[in-house]
Amino acid sequence: MINLAVFASGSGSNAENLALYFKRHPKIRLSLLLSNRPDAFVLQRAKRLNIPALTFNKEDFYHSDKILEALSDYKIDRLVLAGFLWLIPDNLLKAFPQRIINIHPALLPHYGGKGMYGHHVHEAVVANGEKETGITIHLVDAEYDHGKILFQASCSVLPDDTPETVAAKVHELEYQYFPKAVEEWIMNYGL
């Protein structure tokens, strides 16, 4: 069994979608949810889905082995970032080489980097008159939104679209493709 840990900072709709997708999977299970925000709604989703959850602060994340120890305790094999806003520290990158994946709400390399998340991305896409946007699923490295791209899906941006309507289109792509892309990444990179 491959055990996934999902890192999330907000609502957690993608984390819940992953949990439901892998609930009865014969080889993959979402075994732990981690959040840097104790008030994040994703923690309520984890509780409802009976998924163990852990919250942490910057000190825990960047200056201790608390997260590595928790991942070891739960026998975690792969990490999935689903709306997680902090840069991954070196100790996790070294412990999980090529085994951390992220979803970004734009077609990288455009609209990526520090501060480019959620509504900030959609506002920039609309403000710049883009005709297309989408999602990018990529491996995580030491830079924001930089690792090898594994999958992209796009949707059109119409002249009358707002950041909210663009967000709705992008969320549909996330729900449709993210769990399948995670599964494919695991299966292609070996069990």
N, C-alpha and C. Protein backbone atom coordinates (compact mmCIF):
# COMPACT_ATOMS: atom_id res chain seq x y z
N MET A 1 0.84 -1.19 0.00
CA MET A 1 0.00 0.00 0.00
C MET A 1 0.88 1.25 0.00
N ILE A 2 0.60 2.18 -0.90
CA ILE A 2 1.29 3.46 -0.94
C ILE A 2 0.50 4.44 -0.08
N ASN A 3 1.16 5.02 0.90
CA ASN A 3 0.51 5.97 1.80
C ASN A 3 0.84 7.40 1.38
N LEU A 4 -0.21 8.19 1.14
CA LEU A 4 -0.07 9.59 0.77
C LEU A 4 -0.29 10.48 1.98
N ALA A 5 0.46 11.57 2.02
CA ALA A 5 0.17 12.65 2.95
C ALA A 5 -0.16 13.87 2.11
N VAL A 6 -1.23 14.57 2.45
CA VAL A 6 -1.62 15.77 1.73
C VAL A 6 -1.38 16.97 2.63
N PHE A 7 -0.71 17.97 2.07
CA PHE A 7 -0.48 19.25 2.74
C PHE A 7 -1.45 20.26 2.14
N ALA A 8 -2.20 20.96 3.00
CA ALA A 8 -3.16 21.96 2.53
C ALA A 8 -3.22 23.11 3.53
N SER A 9 -3.51 24.30 2.99
CA SER A 9 -3.57 25.50 3.84
C SER A 9 -4.96 26.10 3.95
N GLY A 10 -5.91 25.62 3.18
CA GLY A 10 -7.20 26.30 3.12
C GLY A 10 -8.40 25.39 3.25
N SER A 11 -9.32 25.56 2.33
CA SER A 11 -10.60 24.85 2.37
C SER A 11 -10.46 23.33 2.27
N GLY A 12 -9.60 22.90 1.38
CA GLY A 12 -9.35 21.46 1.29
C GLY A 12 -10.25 20.69 0.35
N SER A 13 -10.88 21.35 -0.59
CA SER A 13 -11.76 20.61 -1.51
C SER A 13 -10.96 19.61 -2.35
N ASN A 14 -9.75 19.97 -2.76
CA ASN A 14 -8.93 19.01 -3.51
C ASN A 14 -8.46 17.87 -2.62
N ALA A 15 -8.15 18.16 -1.37
CA ALA A 15 -7.76 17.10 -0.43
C ALA A 15 -8.91 16.11 -0.24
N GLU A 16 -10.12 16.63 -0.09
CA GLU A 16 -11.29 15.75 0.07
C GLU A 16 -11.51 14.94 -1.20
N ASN A 17 -11.37 15.56 -2.34
CA ASN A 17 -11.54 14.85 -3.61
C ASN A 17 -10.53 13.70 -3.72
N LEU A 18 -9.30 13.95 -3.32
CA LEU A 18 -8.29 12.89 -3.32
C LEU A 18 -8.66 11.77 -2.35
N ALA A 19 -9.09 12.15 -1.15
CA ALA A 19 -9.45 11.14 -0.14
C ALA A 19 -10.57 10.24 -0.65
N LEU A 20 -11.57 10.83 -1.27
CA LEU A 20 -12.69 10.03 -1.78
C LEU A 20 -12.26 9.16 -2.96
N TYR A 21 -11.42 9.70 -3.81
CA TYR A 21 -10.95 8.94 -4.97
C TYR A 21 -10.16 7.70 -4.54
N PHE A 22 -9.31 7.85 -3.53
CA PHE A 22 -8.44 6.75 -3.11
C PHE A 22 -9.03 5.91 -1.97
N LYS A 23 -10.24 6.21 -1.56
CA LYS A 23 -10.84 5.53 -0.40
C LYS A 23 -10.83 4.01 -0.52
N ARG A 24 -11.14 3.50 -1.69
CA ARG A 24 -11.18 2.05 -1.88
C ARG A 24 -10.15 1.57 -2.90
N HIS A 25 -9.15 2.38 -3.11
CA HIS A 25 -8.10 2.03 -4.08
C HIS A 25 -7.30 0.83 -3.54
N PRO A 26 -6.98 -0.13 -4.39
CA PRO A 26 -6.26 -1.31 -3.91
C PRO A 26 -4.79 -1.06 -3.54
N LYS A 27 -4.21 0.05 -4.03
CA LYS A 27 -2.78 0.24 -3.79
C LYS A 27 -2.41 1.59 -3.18
N ILE A 28 -3.35 2.54 -3.12
CA ILE A 28 -3.03 3.90 -2.67
C ILE A 28 -4.05 4.35 -1.63
N ARG A 29 -3.54 4.99 -0.57
CA ARG A 29 -4.43 5.49 0.47
C ARG A 29 -3.95 6.86 0.94
N LEU A 30 -4.90 7.77 1.17
CA LEU A 30 -4.58 9.05 1.80
C LEU A 30 -4.57 8.79 3.30
N SER A 31 -3.39 8.81 3.90
CA SER A 31 -3.22 8.37 5.28
C SER A 31 -3.02 9.48 6.30
N LEU A 32 -2.69 10.70 5.83
CA LEU A 32 -2.41 11.78 6.75
C LEU A 32 -2.64 13.11 6.04
N LEU A 33 -3.23 14.05 6.77
CA LEU A 33 -3.41 15.40 6.26
C LEU A 33 -2.64 16.35 7.17
N LEU A 34 -1.90 17.28 6.58
CA LEU A 34 -1.11 18.24 7.35
C LEU A 34 -1.48 19.65 6.92
N SER A 35 -1.58 20.54 7.90
CA SER A 35 -1.90 21.93 7.59
C SER A 35 -1.09 22.88 8.45
N ASN A 36 -0.71 23.99 7.84
CA ASN A 36 0.02 25.03 8.56
C ASN A 36 -0.93 26.04 9.19
N ARG A 37 -2.23 25.82 9.05
CA ARG A 37 -3.21 26.75 9.64
C ARG A 37 -4.19 25.97 10.52
N PRO A 38 -4.18 26.22 11.82
CA PRO A 38 -5.07 25.49 12.72
C PRO A 38 -6.55 25.79 12.48
N ASP A 39 -6.87 26.89 11.77
CA ASP A 39 -8.26 27.23 11.48
C ASP A 39 -8.67 26.84 10.05
N ALA A 40 -7.83 26.13 9.33
CA ALA A 40 -8.13 25.75 7.95
C ALA A 40 -9.32 24.78 7.91
N PHE A 41 -10.23 25.01 7.00
CA PHE A 41 -11.42 24.16 6.89
C PHE A 41 -11.05 22.73 6.49
N VAL A 42 -9.90 22.55 5.86
CA VAL A 42 -9.47 21.21 5.48
C VAL A 42 -9.40 20.29 6.69
N LEU A 43 -9.13 20.83 7.87
CA LEU A 43 -9.06 20.00 9.07
C LEU A 43 -10.42 19.44 9.45
N GLN A 44 -11.48 20.21 9.22
CA GLN A 44 -12.83 19.70 9.45
C GLN A 44 -13.16 18.60 8.44
N ARG A 45 -12.73 18.78 7.21
CA ARG A 45 -12.95 17.73 6.20
C ARG A 45 -12.23 16.45 6.61
N ALA A 46 -10.99 16.58 7.07
CA ALA A 46 -10.22 15.40 7.50
C ALA A 46 -10.93 14.67 8.64
N LYS A 47 -11.44 15.43 9.60
CA LYS A 47 -12.15 14.82 10.73
C LYS A 47 -13.38 14.05 10.25
N ARG A 48 -14.15 14.69 9.35
CA ARG A 48 -15.36 14.04 8.82
C ARG A 48 -15.02 12.77 8.04
N LEU A 49 -13.87 12.76 7.39
CA LEU A 49 -13.45 11.61 6.58
C LEU A 49 -12.61 10.61 7.37
N ASN A 50 -12.44 10.85 8.66
CA ASN A 50 -11.64 9.99 9.54
C ASN A 50 -10.20 9.84 9.06
N ILE A 51 -9.62 10.95 8.63
CA ILE A 51 -8.22 10.96 8.23
C ILE A 51 -7.43 11.67 9.33
N PRO A 52 -6.39 11.04 9.85
CA PRO A 52 -5.57 11.72 10.86
C PRO A 52 -5.03 13.04 10.31
N ALA A 53 -4.99 14.05 11.17
CA ALA A 53 -4.53 15.37 10.75
C ALA A 53 -3.52 15.92 11.75
N LEU A 54 -2.61 16.71 11.24
CA LEU A 54 -1.57 17.32 12.05
C LEU A 54 -1.43 18.78 11.62
N THR A 55 -1.37 19.66 12.60
CA THR A 55 -1.09 21.07 12.29
C THR A 55 0.31 21.39 12.79
N PHE A 56 0.91 22.39 12.16
CA PHE A 56 2.27 22.75 12.51
C PHE A 56 2.48 24.23 12.24
N ASN A 57 3.56 24.76 12.83
CA ASN A 57 3.91 26.17 12.61
C ASN A 57 5.23 26.23 11.85
N LYS A 58 5.69 27.45 11.58
CA LYS A 58 6.93 27.62 10.80
C LYS A 58 8.13 27.01 11.50
N GLU A 59 8.19 27.14 12.80
CA GLU A 59 9.31 26.55 13.55
C GLU A 59 9.34 25.04 13.34
N ASP A 60 8.19 24.37 13.51
CA ASP A 60 8.10 22.92 13.30
C ASP A 60 8.54 22.55 11.89
N PHE A 61 8.08 23.33 10.92
CA PHE A 61 8.26 22.99 9.51
C PHE A 61 9.69 23.23 9.02
N TYR A 62 10.24 24.36 9.38
CA TYR A 62 11.54 24.74 8.83
C TYR A 62 12.74 24.47 9.74
N HIS A 63 12.50 24.29 11.06
CA HIS A 63 13.64 24.20 11.98
C HIS A 63 13.59 23.00 12.91
N SER A 64 12.82 21.98 12.53
CA SER A 64 12.78 20.76 13.35
C SER A 64 12.51 19.58 12.44
N ASP A 65 12.55 18.40 13.03
CA ASP A 65 12.23 17.17 12.29
C ASP A 65 10.83 16.67 12.64
N LYS A 66 10.01 17.51 13.25
CA LYS A 66 8.67 17.09 13.66
C LYS A 66 7.86 16.53 12.49
N ILE A 67 7.90 17.20 11.35
CA ILE A 67 7.12 16.74 10.20
C ILE A 67 7.68 15.44 9.66
N LEU A 68 9.00 15.36 9.52
CA LEU A 68 9.62 14.11 9.05
C LEU A 68 9.26 12.93 9.97
N GLU A 69 9.28 13.18 11.26
CA GLU A 69 8.95 12.11 12.22
C GLU A 69 7.50 11.67 12.06
N ALA A 70 6.60 12.62 11.89
CA ALA A 70 5.18 12.27 11.70
C ALA A 70 5.00 11.48 10.41
N LEU A 71 5.67 11.91 9.35
CA LEU A 71 5.56 11.18 8.08
C LEU A 71 6.10 9.76 8.21
N SER A 72 7.16 9.61 8.98
CA SER A 72 7.72 8.28 9.24
C SER A 72 6.75 7.44 10.07
N ASP A 73 6.16 8.04 11.10
CA ASP A 73 5.21 7.32 11.95
C ASP A 73 4.04 6.76 11.15
N TYR A 74 3.59 7.50 10.14
CA TYR A 74 2.46 7.07 9.31
C TYR A 74 2.90 6.32 8.06
N LYS A 75 4.20 6.03 7.98
CA LYS A 75 4.76 5.28 6.85
C LYS A 75 4.39 5.91 5.49
N ILE A 76 4.55 7.22 5.43
CA ILE A 76 4.19 7.97 4.23
C ILE A 76 5.22 7.76 3.13
N ASP A 77 4.73 7.48 1.93
CA ASP A 77 5.59 7.24 0.77
C ASP A 77 5.66 8.43 -0.18
N ARG A 78 4.57 9.18 -0.29
CA ARG A 78 4.49 10.30 -1.23
C ARG A 78 3.78 11.47 -0.58
N LEU A 79 4.17 12.69 -1.02
CA LEU A 79 3.55 13.91 -0.51
C LEU A 79 2.82 14.61 -1.64
N VAL A 80 1.62 15.10 -1.33
CA VAL A 80 0.81 15.83 -2.31
C VAL A 80 0.49 17.20 -1.72
N LEU A 81 0.82 18.25 -2.46
CA LEU A 81 0.49 19.60 -2.04
C LEU A 81 -0.79 20.01 -2.76
N ALA A 82 -1.80 20.36 -1.99
CA ALA A 82 -3.11 20.72 -2.55
C ALA A 82 -3.54 22.03 -1.93
N GLY A 83 -3.06 23.12 -2.50
CA GLY A 83 -3.36 24.42 -1.92
C GLY A 83 -2.50 24.70 -0.70
N PHE A 84 -1.27 24.24 -0.73
CA PHE A 84 -0.34 24.49 0.37
C PHE A 84 0.57 25.63 -0.04
N LEU A 85 0.72 26.65 0.82
CA LEU A 85 1.32 27.91 0.40
C LEU A 85 2.77 28.13 0.81
N TRP A 86 3.37 27.21 1.53
CA TRP A 86 4.75 27.40 1.96
C TRP A 86 5.71 26.63 1.07
N LEU A 87 6.91 27.17 0.92
CA LEU A 87 7.98 26.50 0.19
C LEU A 87 8.43 25.28 0.99
N ILE A 88 8.63 24.18 0.31
CA ILE A 88 9.00 22.93 0.99
C ILE A 88 10.48 23.00 1.41
N PRO A 89 10.77 22.67 2.69
CA PRO A 89 12.14 22.76 3.16
C PRO A 89 13.03 21.62 2.63
N ASP A 90 14.31 21.87 2.72
CA ASP A 90 15.31 20.92 2.21
C ASP A 90 15.19 19.53 2.80
N ASN A 91 14.91 19.43 4.11
CA ASN A 91 14.86 18.10 4.72
C ASN A 91 13.76 17.23 4.10
N LEU A 92 12.63 17.84 3.73
CA LEU A 92 11.57 17.07 3.08
C LEU A 92 11.93 16.76 1.63
N LEU A 93 12.53 17.72 0.94
CA LEU A 93 12.95 17.46 -0.45
C LEU A 93 13.95 16.30 -0.51
N LYS A 94 14.87 16.25 0.45
CA LYS A 94 15.87 15.17 0.48
C LYS A 94 15.24 13.84 0.88
N ALA A 95 14.30 13.87 1.79
CA ALA A 95 13.66 12.63 2.26
C ALA A 95 12.68 12.05 1.22
N PHE A 96 12.14 12.92 0.35
CA PHE A 96 11.15 12.50 -0.64
C PHE A 96 11.56 12.97 -2.04
N PRO A 97 12.72 12.55 -2.53
CA PRO A 97 13.16 13.02 -3.84
C PRO A 97 12.22 12.52 -4.95
N GLN A 98 11.77 13.44 -5.78
CA GLN A 98 10.85 13.13 -6.88
C GLN A 98 9.55 12.49 -6.38
N ARG A 99 9.27 12.66 -5.10
CA ARG A 99 8.06 12.05 -4.51
C ARG A 99 7.16 13.08 -3.86
N ILE A 100 7.25 14.33 -4.33
CA ILE A 100 6.36 15.40 -3.88
C ILE A 100 5.76 16.04 -5.12
N ILE A 101 4.44 16.17 -5.12
CA ILE A 101 3.72 16.70 -6.27
C ILE A 101 2.86 17.87 -5.82
N ASN A 102 2.64 18.82 -6.73
CA ASN A 102 1.83 20.00 -6.43
C ASN A 102 0.86 20.26 -7.56
N ILE A 103 -0.26 20.88 -7.23
CA ILE A 103 -1.19 21.36 -8.24
C ILE A 103 -1.19 22.88 -8.17
N HIS A 104 -1.13 23.50 -9.37
CA HIS A 104 -1.13 24.96 -9.45
C HIS A 104 -2.26 25.40 -10.36
N PRO A 105 -2.99 26.48 -9.99
CA PRO A 105 -4.19 26.88 -10.76
C PRO A 105 -3.89 27.79 -11.96
N ALA A 106 -2.88 27.42 -12.73
CA ALA A 106 -2.55 28.15 -13.95
C ALA A 106 -1.68 27.24 -14.82
N LEU A 107 -1.46 27.67 -16.04
CA LEU A 107 -0.61 26.92 -16.96
C LEU A 107 0.83 27.40 -16.80
N LEU A 108 1.56 26.73 -15.92
CA LEU A 108 2.96 27.11 -15.71
C LEU A 108 3.73 26.94 -17.02
N PRO A 109 4.72 27.77 -17.26
CA PRO A 109 5.44 28.61 -16.31
C PRO A 109 4.79 29.97 -16.06
N HIS A 110 3.65 30.24 -16.64
CA HIS A 110 2.98 31.52 -16.44
C HIS A 110 2.22 31.54 -15.11
N TYR A 111 2.21 32.69 -14.46
CA TYR A 111 1.43 32.93 -13.24
C TYR A 111 1.82 32.01 -12.09
N GLY A 112 3.11 31.76 -11.97
CA GLY A 112 3.62 30.98 -10.85
C GLY A 112 4.53 31.83 -9.99
N GLY A 113 4.99 31.24 -8.91
CA GLY A 113 5.93 31.91 -8.02
C GLY A 113 5.29 32.35 -6.71
N LYS A 114 6.11 32.88 -5.84
CA LYS A 114 5.65 33.31 -4.51
C LYS A 114 4.50 34.31 -4.63
N GLY A 115 3.45 34.07 -3.90
CA GLY A 115 2.29 34.96 -3.89
C GLY A 115 1.28 34.69 -4.99
N MET A 116 1.61 33.79 -5.91
CA MET A 116 0.68 33.48 -7.00
C MET A 116 -0.08 32.20 -6.64
N TYR A 117 -1.21 32.39 -6.02
CA TYR A 117 -2.07 31.26 -5.64
C TYR A 117 -3.51 31.74 -5.70
N GLY A 118 -4.43 30.79 -5.84
CA GLY A 118 -5.86 31.05 -5.77
C GLY A 118 -6.31 32.27 -6.55
N HIS A 119 -7.04 33.14 -5.89
CA HIS A 119 -7.65 34.29 -6.56
C HIS A 119 -6.62 35.24 -7.15
N HIS A 120 -5.40 35.28 -6.59
CA HIS A 120 -4.35 36.14 -7.16
C HIS A 120 -4.04 35.72 -8.60
N VAL A 121 -4.00 34.42 -8.82
CA VAL A 121 -3.73 33.90 -10.16
C VAL A 121 -4.88 34.26 -11.09
N HIS A 122 -6.11 34.01 -10.66
CA HIS A 122 -7.27 34.24 -11.53
C HIS A 122 -7.44 35.72 -11.86
N GLU A 123 -7.17 36.58 -10.87
CA GLU A 123 -7.23 38.02 -11.12
C GLU A 123 -6.20 38.44 -12.16
N ALA A 124 -4.99 37.90 -12.07
CA ALA A 124 -3.93 38.24 -13.03
C ALA A 124 -4.27 37.74 -14.43
N VAL A 125 -4.82 36.54 -14.51
CA VAL A 125 -5.21 35.97 -15.81
C VAL A 125 -6.24 36.86 -16.49
N VAL A 126 -7.26 37.27 -15.75
CA VAL A 126 -8.31 38.13 -16.32
C VAL A 126 -7.74 39.51 -16.65
N ALA A 127 -6.96 40.09 -15.75
CA ALA A 127 -6.41 41.44 -15.96
C ALA A 127 -5.52 41.50 -17.20
N ASN A 128 -4.83 40.39 -17.49
CA ASN A 128 -3.92 40.37 -18.64
C ASN A 128 -4.59 39.94 -19.93
N GLY A 129 -5.91 39.71 -19.87
CA GLY A 129 -6.64 39.37 -21.08
C GLY A 129 -6.27 38.03 -21.69
N GLU A 130 -5.88 37.10 -20.86
CA GLU A 130 -5.54 35.76 -21.36
C GLU A 130 -6.75 35.11 -22.02
N LYS A 131 -6.49 34.30 -23.01
CA LYS A 131 -7.56 33.56 -23.72
C LYS A 131 -7.72 32.15 -23.16
N GLU A 132 -6.71 31.74 -22.35
CA GLU A 132 -6.68 30.36 -21.85
C GLU A 132 -6.00 30.34 -20.49
N THR A 133 -6.45 29.44 -19.65
CA THR A 133 -5.80 29.17 -18.37
C THR A 133 -6.01 27.69 -18.08
N GLY A 134 -5.70 27.27 -16.87
CA GLY A 134 -5.89 25.86 -16.57
C GLY A 134 -5.19 25.45 -15.29
N ILE A 135 -4.75 24.19 -15.28
CA ILE A 135 -4.04 23.64 -14.12
C ILE A 135 -2.73 23.04 -14.57
N THR A 136 -1.79 23.03 -13.65
CA THR A 136 -0.51 22.35 -13.86
C THR A 136 -0.24 21.48 -12.65
N ILE A 137 0.12 20.24 -12.90
CA ILE A 137 0.52 19.32 -11.85
C ILE A 137 2.00 19.04 -12.10
N HIS A 138 2.81 19.28 -11.08
CA HIS A 138 4.26 19.20 -11.27
C HIS A 138 4.97 18.65 -10.04
N LEU A 139 6.17 18.15 -10.28
CA LEU A 139 7.02 17.73 -9.18
C LEU A 139 7.50 18.98 -8.43
N VAL A 140 7.76 18.82 -7.16
CA VAL A 140 8.17 19.93 -6.32
C VAL A 140 9.68 19.91 -6.16
N ASP A 141 10.27 21.12 -6.30
CA ASP A 141 11.69 21.29 -6.03
C ASP A 141 11.86 22.47 -5.07
N ALA A 142 13.04 23.05 -5.03
CA ALA A 142 13.35 24.08 -4.05
C ALA A 142 12.80 25.47 -4.41
N GLU A 143 12.11 25.59 -5.56
CA GLU A 143 11.53 26.87 -5.96
C GLU A 143 10.02 26.74 -6.08
N TYR A 144 9.31 27.85 -5.86
CA TYR A 144 7.86 27.85 -6.03
C TYR A 144 7.50 27.53 -7.48
N ASP A 145 6.59 26.59 -7.68
CA ASP A 145 5.97 26.32 -8.99
C ASP A 145 7.00 26.10 -10.10
N HIS A 146 8.05 25.34 -9.80
CA HIS A 146 9.15 25.23 -10.73
C HIS A 146 9.43 23.82 -11.23
N GLY A 147 9.12 22.78 -10.49
CA GLY A 147 9.54 21.43 -10.84
C GLY A 147 8.98 20.92 -12.15
N LYS A 148 9.47 19.76 -12.56
CA LYS A 148 9.08 19.14 -13.82
C LYS A 148 7.56 19.03 -13.94
N ILE A 149 7.03 19.51 -15.05
CA ILE A 149 5.59 19.45 -15.30
C ILE A 149 5.21 18.04 -15.71
N LEU A 150 4.21 17.48 -15.02
CA LEU A 150 3.73 16.13 -15.31
C LEU A 150 2.43 16.14 -16.11
N PHE A 151 1.61 17.18 -15.89
CA PHE A 151 0.29 17.20 -16.54
C PHE A 151 -0.24 18.63 -16.56
N GLN A 152 -0.91 18.98 -17.66
CA GLN A 152 -1.63 20.24 -17.74
C GLN A 152 -2.97 20.01 -18.43
N ALA A 153 -3.96 20.77 -18.01
CA ALA A 153 -5.27 20.79 -18.67
C ALA A 153 -5.69 22.25 -18.75
N SER A 154 -6.36 22.61 -19.84
CA SER A 154 -6.69 24.02 -20.03
C SER A 154 -8.18 24.23 -20.22
N CYS A 155 -8.57 25.49 -20.05
CA CYS A 155 -9.94 25.93 -20.32
C CYS A 155 -9.86 27.33 -20.90
N SER A 156 -10.89 27.71 -21.61
CA SER A 156 -10.89 29.03 -22.23
C SER A 156 -11.24 30.10 -21.20
N VAL A 157 -10.74 31.30 -21.46
CA VAL A 157 -11.10 32.49 -20.71
C VAL A 157 -11.83 33.39 -21.69
N LEU A 158 -13.10 33.63 -21.43
CA LEU A 158 -13.93 34.43 -22.33
C LEU A 158 -13.86 35.91 -21.96
N PRO A 159 -14.17 36.80 -22.91
CA PRO A 159 -14.07 38.24 -22.63
C PRO A 159 -14.89 38.70 -21.44
N ASP A 160 -16.01 38.04 -21.16
CA ASP A 160 -16.84 38.47 -20.04
C ASP A 160 -16.57 37.68 -18.75
N ASP A 161 -15.55 36.83 -18.75
CA ASP A 161 -15.21 36.09 -17.53
C ASP A 161 -14.66 37.02 -16.46
N THR A 162 -14.95 36.68 -15.23
CA THR A 162 -14.43 37.38 -14.06
C THR A 162 -13.46 36.43 -13.35
N PRO A 163 -12.69 36.93 -12.39
CA PRO A 163 -11.83 36.01 -11.64
C PRO A 163 -12.64 34.86 -11.00
N GLU A 164 -13.86 35.15 -10.60
CA GLU A 164 -14.70 34.11 -9.97
C GLU A 164 -15.13 33.04 -10.98
N THR A 165 -15.50 33.45 -12.19
CA THR A 165 -15.91 32.45 -13.19
C THR A 165 -14.71 31.64 -13.67
N VAL A 166 -13.55 32.30 -13.75
CA VAL A 166 -12.32 31.58 -14.12
C VAL A 166 -11.99 30.57 -13.02
N ALA A 167 -12.12 30.99 -11.76
CA ALA A 167 -11.85 30.08 -10.64
C ALA A 167 -12.75 28.85 -10.71
N ALA A 168 -14.02 29.03 -11.04
CA ALA A 168 -14.95 27.91 -11.14
C ALA A 168 -14.51 26.94 -12.24
N LYS A 169 -14.08 27.47 -13.37
CA LYS A 169 -13.60 26.61 -14.47
C LYS A 169 -12.35 25.83 -14.06
N VAL A 170 -11.44 26.53 -13.38
CA VAL A 170 -10.20 25.88 -12.95
C VAL A 170 -10.49 24.81 -11.90
N HIS A 171 -11.41 25.08 -10.97
CA HIS A 171 -11.78 24.07 -9.97
C HIS A 171 -12.34 22.83 -10.64
N GLU A 172 -13.13 22.99 -11.66
CA GLU A 172 -13.66 21.82 -12.38
C GLU A 172 -12.53 20.97 -12.95
N LEU A 173 -11.53 21.63 -13.52
CA LEU A 173 -10.37 20.89 -14.04
C LEU A 173 -9.64 20.17 -12.90
N GLU A 174 -9.48 20.84 -11.77
CA GLU A 174 -8.81 20.22 -10.62
C GLU A 174 -9.55 18.96 -10.19
N TYR A 175 -10.87 19.08 -10.02
CA TYR A 175 -11.65 17.93 -9.55
C TYR A 175 -11.62 16.79 -10.54
N GLN A 176 -11.65 17.13 -11.81
CA GLN A 176 -11.67 16.10 -12.86
C GLN A 176 -10.33 15.39 -13.00
N TYR A 177 -9.22 16.13 -12.94
CA TYR A 177 -7.94 15.55 -13.32
C TYR A 177 -6.96 15.26 -12.19
N PHE A 178 -7.04 15.97 -11.08
CA PHE A 178 -6.00 15.84 -10.05
C PHE A 178 -5.88 14.43 -9.49
N PRO A 179 -6.96 13.79 -9.03
CA PRO A 179 -6.79 12.44 -8.50
C PRO A 179 -6.21 11.46 -9.52
N LYS A 180 -6.66 11.53 -10.75
CA LYS A 180 -6.15 10.63 -11.80
C LYS A 180 -4.67 10.90 -12.06
N ALA A 181 -4.28 12.17 -12.06
CA ALA A 181 -2.87 12.51 -12.29
C ALA A 181 -1.99 12.02 -11.15
N VAL A 182 -2.48 12.13 -9.91
CA VAL A 182 -1.72 11.61 -8.76
C VAL A 182 -1.57 10.10 -8.89
N GLU A 183 -2.65 9.43 -9.22
CA GLU A 183 -2.60 7.98 -9.39
C GLU A 183 -1.60 7.59 -10.49
N GLU A 184 -1.67 8.27 -11.61
CA GLU A 184 -0.76 7.96 -12.72
C GLU A 184 0.69 8.22 -12.33
N TRP A 185 0.93 9.32 -11.63
CA TRP A 185 2.29 9.63 -11.16
C TRP A 185 2.82 8.50 -10.27
N ILE A 186 2.00 8.02 -9.36
CA ILE A 186 2.44 6.95 -8.47
C ILE A 186 2.71 5.67 -9.25
N MET A 187 1.80 5.32 -10.14
CA MET A 187 1.93 4.08 -10.91
C MET A 187 3.13 4.15 -11.87
N ASN A 188 3.36 5.31 -12.47
CA ASN A 188 4.47 5.46 -13.42
C ASN A 188 5.83 5.56 -12.74
N TYR A 189 5.84 6.06 -11.51
CA TYR A 189 7.11 6.17 -10.80
C TYR A 189 7.35 4.94 -9.93
N GLY A 190 6.52 3.95 -10.10
CA GLY A 190 6.73 2.68 -9.41
C GLY A 190 6.19 2.67 -8.00
N LEU A 191 5.79 1.50 -7.58
CA LEU A 191 5.29 1.31 -6.22
C LEU A 191 6.47 0.95 -5.33
